[in-house]
N, C-alpha and C. Protein backbone atom coordinates (compact mmCIF):
# COMPACT_ATOMS: atom_id res chain seq x y z
N MET A 1 12.57 2.37 12.25
CA MET A 1 12.17 1.93 10.94
C MET A 1 13.10 0.80 10.51
N ALA A 2 12.53 -0.24 9.90
CA ALA A 2 13.34 -1.36 9.42
C ALA A 2 14.20 -0.89 8.26
N ASP A 3 15.42 -1.40 8.22
CA ASP A 3 16.37 -0.97 7.21
C ASP A 3 16.11 -1.71 5.90
N PHE A 4 15.95 -0.97 4.82
CA PHE A 4 15.76 -1.56 3.50
C PHE A 4 17.08 -1.39 2.76
N GLY A 5 18.09 -2.13 3.20
CA GLY A 5 19.43 -2.03 2.63
C GLY A 5 19.58 -2.84 1.37
N LEU A 6 20.82 -2.97 0.93
CA LEU A 6 21.12 -3.67 -0.31
C LEU A 6 20.67 -5.13 -0.26
N GLY A 7 20.87 -5.79 0.88
CA GLY A 7 20.42 -7.18 1.01
C GLY A 7 18.92 -7.32 0.85
N GLY A 8 18.18 -6.39 1.43
CA GLY A 8 16.72 -6.41 1.30
C GLY A 8 16.27 -6.14 -0.12
N ILE A 9 16.94 -5.22 -0.78
CA ILE A 9 16.59 -4.90 -2.17
C ILE A 9 16.83 -6.12 -3.06
N ILE A 10 18.00 -6.73 -2.92
CA ILE A 10 18.33 -7.89 -3.75
C ILE A 10 17.36 -9.04 -3.49
N ALA A 11 17.09 -9.32 -2.23
CA ALA A 11 16.16 -10.40 -1.88
C ALA A 11 14.77 -10.13 -2.44
N SER A 12 14.32 -8.89 -2.36
CA SER A 12 12.99 -8.54 -2.83
C SER A 12 12.88 -8.63 -4.35
N VAL A 13 13.89 -8.16 -5.04
CA VAL A 13 13.86 -8.20 -6.50
C VAL A 13 13.91 -9.65 -6.99
N ILE A 14 14.77 -10.47 -6.40
CA ILE A 14 14.86 -11.87 -6.81
C ILE A 14 13.55 -12.60 -6.50
N ALA A 15 13.00 -12.36 -5.32
CA ALA A 15 11.73 -13.00 -4.96
C ALA A 15 10.61 -12.53 -5.87
N GLY A 16 10.60 -11.25 -6.21
CA GLY A 16 9.58 -10.72 -7.12
C GLY A 16 9.70 -11.33 -8.50
N ALA A 17 10.93 -11.46 -9.01
CA ALA A 17 11.13 -12.08 -10.32
C ALA A 17 10.70 -13.54 -10.29
N ALA A 18 10.98 -14.25 -9.20
CA ALA A 18 10.54 -15.64 -9.07
C ALA A 18 9.01 -15.72 -9.02
N GLY A 19 8.39 -14.80 -8.30
CA GLY A 19 6.93 -14.75 -8.27
C GLY A 19 6.34 -14.44 -9.64
N GLY A 20 7.01 -13.56 -10.36
CA GLY A 20 6.56 -13.23 -11.72
C GLY A 20 6.66 -14.43 -12.65
N LYS A 21 7.76 -15.18 -12.54
CA LYS A 21 7.92 -16.37 -13.38
C LYS A 21 6.91 -17.45 -13.00
N ALA A 22 6.55 -17.54 -11.73
CA ALA A 22 5.55 -18.51 -11.30
C ALA A 22 4.19 -18.18 -11.91
N VAL A 23 3.85 -16.90 -11.93
CA VAL A 23 2.60 -16.48 -12.56
C VAL A 23 2.67 -16.71 -14.06
N ASP A 24 3.83 -16.47 -14.65
CA ASP A 24 4.04 -16.68 -16.08
C ASP A 24 3.81 -18.14 -16.46
N ALA A 25 4.17 -19.06 -15.57
CA ALA A 25 4.02 -20.49 -15.85
C ALA A 25 2.58 -20.98 -15.70
N SER A 26 1.74 -20.19 -15.06
CA SER A 26 0.36 -20.60 -14.84
C SER A 26 -0.43 -20.50 -16.13
N PRO A 27 -1.12 -21.58 -16.53
CA PRO A 27 -1.88 -21.53 -17.79
C PRO A 27 -3.15 -20.68 -17.70
N LYS A 28 -3.65 -20.42 -16.50
CA LYS A 28 -4.91 -19.68 -16.34
C LYS A 28 -4.71 -18.17 -16.26
N THR A 29 -3.49 -17.71 -16.08
CA THR A 29 -3.23 -16.29 -15.91
C THR A 29 -2.59 -15.73 -17.18
N PRO A 30 -3.12 -14.64 -17.73
CA PRO A 30 -2.46 -14.02 -18.89
C PRO A 30 -1.03 -13.62 -18.54
N SER A 31 -0.14 -13.79 -19.50
CA SER A 31 1.27 -13.55 -19.23
C SER A 31 1.81 -12.42 -20.11
N PRO A 32 2.68 -11.57 -19.55
CA PRO A 32 3.33 -10.55 -20.37
C PRO A 32 4.53 -11.11 -21.12
N GLY A 33 4.82 -12.39 -20.98
CA GLY A 33 5.97 -12.99 -21.65
C GLY A 33 7.13 -13.16 -20.69
N GLY A 34 8.16 -13.86 -21.15
CA GLY A 34 9.30 -14.18 -20.29
C GLY A 34 9.99 -12.98 -19.69
N LEU A 35 10.44 -12.06 -20.54
CA LEU A 35 11.14 -10.88 -20.04
C LEU A 35 10.20 -9.94 -19.29
N GLY A 36 8.99 -9.83 -19.78
CA GLY A 36 8.00 -8.97 -19.10
C GLY A 36 7.68 -9.46 -17.70
N SER A 37 7.61 -10.78 -17.55
CA SER A 37 7.30 -11.31 -16.22
C SER A 37 8.48 -11.11 -15.27
N LEU A 38 9.70 -11.22 -15.78
CA LEU A 38 10.86 -10.98 -14.93
C LEU A 38 10.96 -9.52 -14.51
N LEU A 39 10.77 -8.62 -15.48
CA LEU A 39 10.87 -7.19 -15.17
C LEU A 39 9.72 -6.72 -14.29
N GLY A 40 8.50 -7.13 -14.63
CA GLY A 40 7.35 -6.75 -13.81
C GLY A 40 7.44 -7.33 -12.41
N GLY A 41 7.84 -8.59 -12.32
CA GLY A 41 7.99 -9.23 -11.03
C GLY A 41 9.09 -8.59 -10.20
N GLY A 42 10.21 -8.26 -10.84
CA GLY A 42 11.32 -7.60 -10.13
C GLY A 42 10.93 -6.24 -9.61
N ALA A 43 10.23 -5.47 -10.44
CA ALA A 43 9.78 -4.14 -10.01
C ALA A 43 8.76 -4.25 -8.88
N GLY A 44 7.83 -5.17 -9.04
CA GLY A 44 6.85 -5.40 -7.98
C GLY A 44 7.51 -5.90 -6.71
N GLY A 45 8.55 -6.72 -6.87
CA GLY A 45 9.28 -7.23 -5.72
C GLY A 45 9.96 -6.12 -4.95
N ALA A 46 10.57 -5.20 -5.66
CA ALA A 46 11.24 -4.08 -5.00
C ALA A 46 10.23 -3.22 -4.24
N ILE A 47 9.09 -2.96 -4.85
CA ILE A 47 8.05 -2.16 -4.20
C ILE A 47 7.46 -2.93 -3.01
N GLY A 48 7.20 -4.23 -3.21
CA GLY A 48 6.66 -5.05 -2.13
C GLY A 48 7.61 -5.16 -0.96
N GLY A 49 8.89 -5.27 -1.25
CA GLY A 49 9.89 -5.33 -0.18
C GLY A 49 9.95 -4.04 0.60
N LEU A 50 9.84 -2.92 -0.10
CA LEU A 50 9.84 -1.62 0.57
C LEU A 50 8.62 -1.47 1.47
N ILE A 51 7.46 -1.87 0.96
CA ILE A 51 6.24 -1.79 1.76
C ILE A 51 6.34 -2.69 2.98
N THR A 52 6.82 -3.92 2.77
CA THR A 52 6.98 -4.84 3.89
C THR A 52 7.97 -4.30 4.91
N SER A 53 9.02 -3.67 4.42
CA SER A 53 10.02 -3.09 5.31
C SER A 53 9.39 -2.01 6.19
N GLN A 54 8.53 -1.21 5.61
CA GLN A 54 7.88 -0.15 6.38
C GLN A 54 6.87 -0.71 7.36
N LEU A 55 6.16 -1.79 6.97
CA LEU A 55 5.16 -2.38 7.85
C LEU A 55 5.79 -3.14 9.01
N ALA A 56 6.98 -3.68 8.78
CA ALA A 56 7.65 -4.49 9.80
C ALA A 56 8.48 -3.62 10.74
N ASN A 57 8.16 -2.38 10.87
CA ASN A 57 8.90 -1.45 11.71
C ASN A 57 9.01 -1.98 13.14
N GLY A 58 10.18 -2.47 13.48
CA GLY A 58 10.42 -2.94 14.83
C GLY A 58 9.98 -4.36 15.12
N LEU A 59 9.29 -5.03 14.19
CA LEU A 59 8.81 -6.37 14.47
C LEU A 59 9.88 -7.43 14.25
N ALA A 60 10.78 -7.19 13.32
CA ALA A 60 11.82 -8.18 13.02
C ALA A 60 12.95 -8.04 14.04
N GLY A 61 13.31 -9.15 14.66
CA GLY A 61 14.34 -9.11 15.68
C GLY A 61 15.74 -9.11 15.11
N THR A 62 15.94 -9.69 13.93
CA THR A 62 17.26 -9.77 13.34
C THR A 62 17.22 -9.28 11.91
N ASP A 63 18.40 -9.02 11.37
CA ASP A 63 18.47 -8.60 9.97
C ASP A 63 18.01 -9.71 9.03
N ILE A 64 18.31 -10.97 9.37
CA ILE A 64 17.89 -12.10 8.54
C ILE A 64 16.37 -12.15 8.48
N ALA A 65 15.71 -11.97 9.61
CA ALA A 65 14.24 -12.00 9.63
C ALA A 65 13.67 -10.86 8.79
N ALA A 66 14.29 -9.70 8.84
CA ALA A 66 13.83 -8.57 8.04
C ALA A 66 13.98 -8.85 6.55
N ILE A 67 15.11 -9.44 6.16
CA ILE A 67 15.34 -9.75 4.74
C ILE A 67 14.35 -10.81 4.26
N VAL A 68 14.09 -11.84 5.09
CA VAL A 68 13.12 -12.87 4.71
C VAL A 68 11.73 -12.25 4.55
N GLY A 69 11.36 -11.38 5.46
CA GLY A 69 10.07 -10.72 5.37
C GLY A 69 9.95 -9.86 4.13
N GLN A 70 11.02 -9.15 3.80
CA GLN A 70 11.01 -8.34 2.59
C GLN A 70 10.93 -9.21 1.34
N ALA A 71 11.60 -10.37 1.36
CA ALA A 71 11.56 -11.27 0.21
C ALA A 71 10.16 -11.84 0.02
N VAL A 72 9.50 -12.20 1.11
CA VAL A 72 8.14 -12.73 1.00
C VAL A 72 7.20 -11.66 0.44
N GLY A 73 7.29 -10.46 0.99
CA GLY A 73 6.47 -9.36 0.47
C GLY A 73 6.78 -9.06 -0.98
N GLY A 74 8.05 -9.11 -1.32
CA GLY A 74 8.46 -8.85 -2.70
C GLY A 74 7.95 -9.92 -3.65
N GLY A 75 8.00 -11.17 -3.23
CA GLY A 75 7.53 -12.26 -4.08
C GLY A 75 6.04 -12.18 -4.34
N VAL A 76 5.29 -11.87 -3.30
CA VAL A 76 3.83 -11.76 -3.47
C VAL A 76 3.47 -10.60 -4.39
N LEU A 77 4.04 -9.43 -4.13
CA LEU A 77 3.69 -8.29 -4.97
C LEU A 77 4.26 -8.44 -6.38
N GLY A 78 5.38 -9.11 -6.52
CA GLY A 78 5.92 -9.38 -7.85
C GLY A 78 4.98 -10.25 -8.66
N ALA A 79 4.38 -11.25 -8.03
CA ALA A 79 3.40 -12.10 -8.71
C ALA A 79 2.15 -11.30 -9.08
N VAL A 80 1.70 -10.46 -8.17
CA VAL A 80 0.50 -9.65 -8.45
C VAL A 80 0.75 -8.68 -9.59
N VAL A 81 1.88 -7.98 -9.58
CA VAL A 81 2.20 -7.02 -10.65
C VAL A 81 2.29 -7.73 -11.99
N THR A 82 2.89 -8.91 -12.03
CA THR A 82 3.01 -9.66 -13.28
C THR A 82 1.64 -10.07 -13.79
N ALA A 83 0.76 -10.55 -12.91
CA ALA A 83 -0.58 -10.94 -13.32
C ALA A 83 -1.37 -9.74 -13.86
N VAL A 84 -1.27 -8.61 -13.19
CA VAL A 84 -1.97 -7.41 -13.66
C VAL A 84 -1.41 -6.94 -15.00
N LEU A 85 -0.09 -6.96 -15.13
CA LEU A 85 0.53 -6.58 -16.40
C LEU A 85 0.09 -7.50 -17.53
N GLY A 86 -0.01 -8.80 -17.26
CA GLY A 86 -0.47 -9.74 -18.27
C GLY A 86 -1.92 -9.48 -18.68
N MET A 87 -2.77 -9.15 -17.72
CA MET A 87 -4.18 -8.84 -18.03
C MET A 87 -4.30 -7.56 -18.85
N VAL A 88 -3.52 -6.56 -18.51
CA VAL A 88 -3.56 -5.30 -19.27
C VAL A 88 -3.09 -5.52 -20.69
N LEU A 89 -2.01 -6.26 -20.87
CA LEU A 89 -1.51 -6.53 -22.21
C LEU A 89 -2.46 -7.39 -23.01
N LYS A 90 -3.18 -8.30 -22.35
CA LYS A 90 -4.16 -9.15 -23.05
C LYS A 90 -5.33 -8.31 -23.54
N LYS A 91 -5.76 -7.33 -22.73
CA LYS A 91 -6.88 -6.46 -23.13
C LYS A 91 -6.51 -5.61 -24.34
N LYS A 92 -5.22 -5.20 -24.44
CA LYS A 92 -4.80 -4.37 -25.57
C LYS A 92 -4.71 -5.17 -26.87
N ALA A 93 -4.51 -6.47 -26.76
CA ALA A 93 -4.33 -7.31 -27.95
C ALA A 93 -5.64 -7.65 -28.60
């Protein structure tokens, strides 16, 4: 199983927060706001990194490759979580 250590967690959370802010900057996507996009993106990033870590079981040859893969997965899921959170909050308003 690929190791989801501290480096992977940090990379995933940062990538998720960046993905959340990218969605926040998009004029076509409802936004949960600045702090909401960072928190939602970071949480989604951590979950996405964990999922990517589990899927990459044995595929990554080095720790650097595993961390990059976790960051990419974290960034994508962070953006998705932020977009969904923005849509849910827009429906409530």
